[in-house]
């Protein structure tokens, strides 16, 4: 019915996390101070039933480029599990967009 459709969220994309996410909270994993803050945008913490913790945050281009380079450097040192390339494991797609990018 129309009432049930109104209560549902539209799926804009997906991301393979490897676990279920069952909790979202506004906040941070560390205390934000002016001296050590990388940005002042709001963050969302999420958790899963197996103890998974993660953070959703907006990054500016400089921060994105740094973490992208860090990810590439780590991938050159640490091989993927069971021979699966890390970028292939992280890859996700949906009907509206061929690839969700740029994800770090």
Foldseek 3Di string as FASTA:
>chain_A
DVVVVVPDDDDPFDWDPPFDWDDKDWDDPDDDDPVPDPDDFTKIWIAGPVGDIDIDDDDDPVVLVVVVVVVVVVCVVDPDPPNDRPVVNGWTQDDVGGTDDDDD
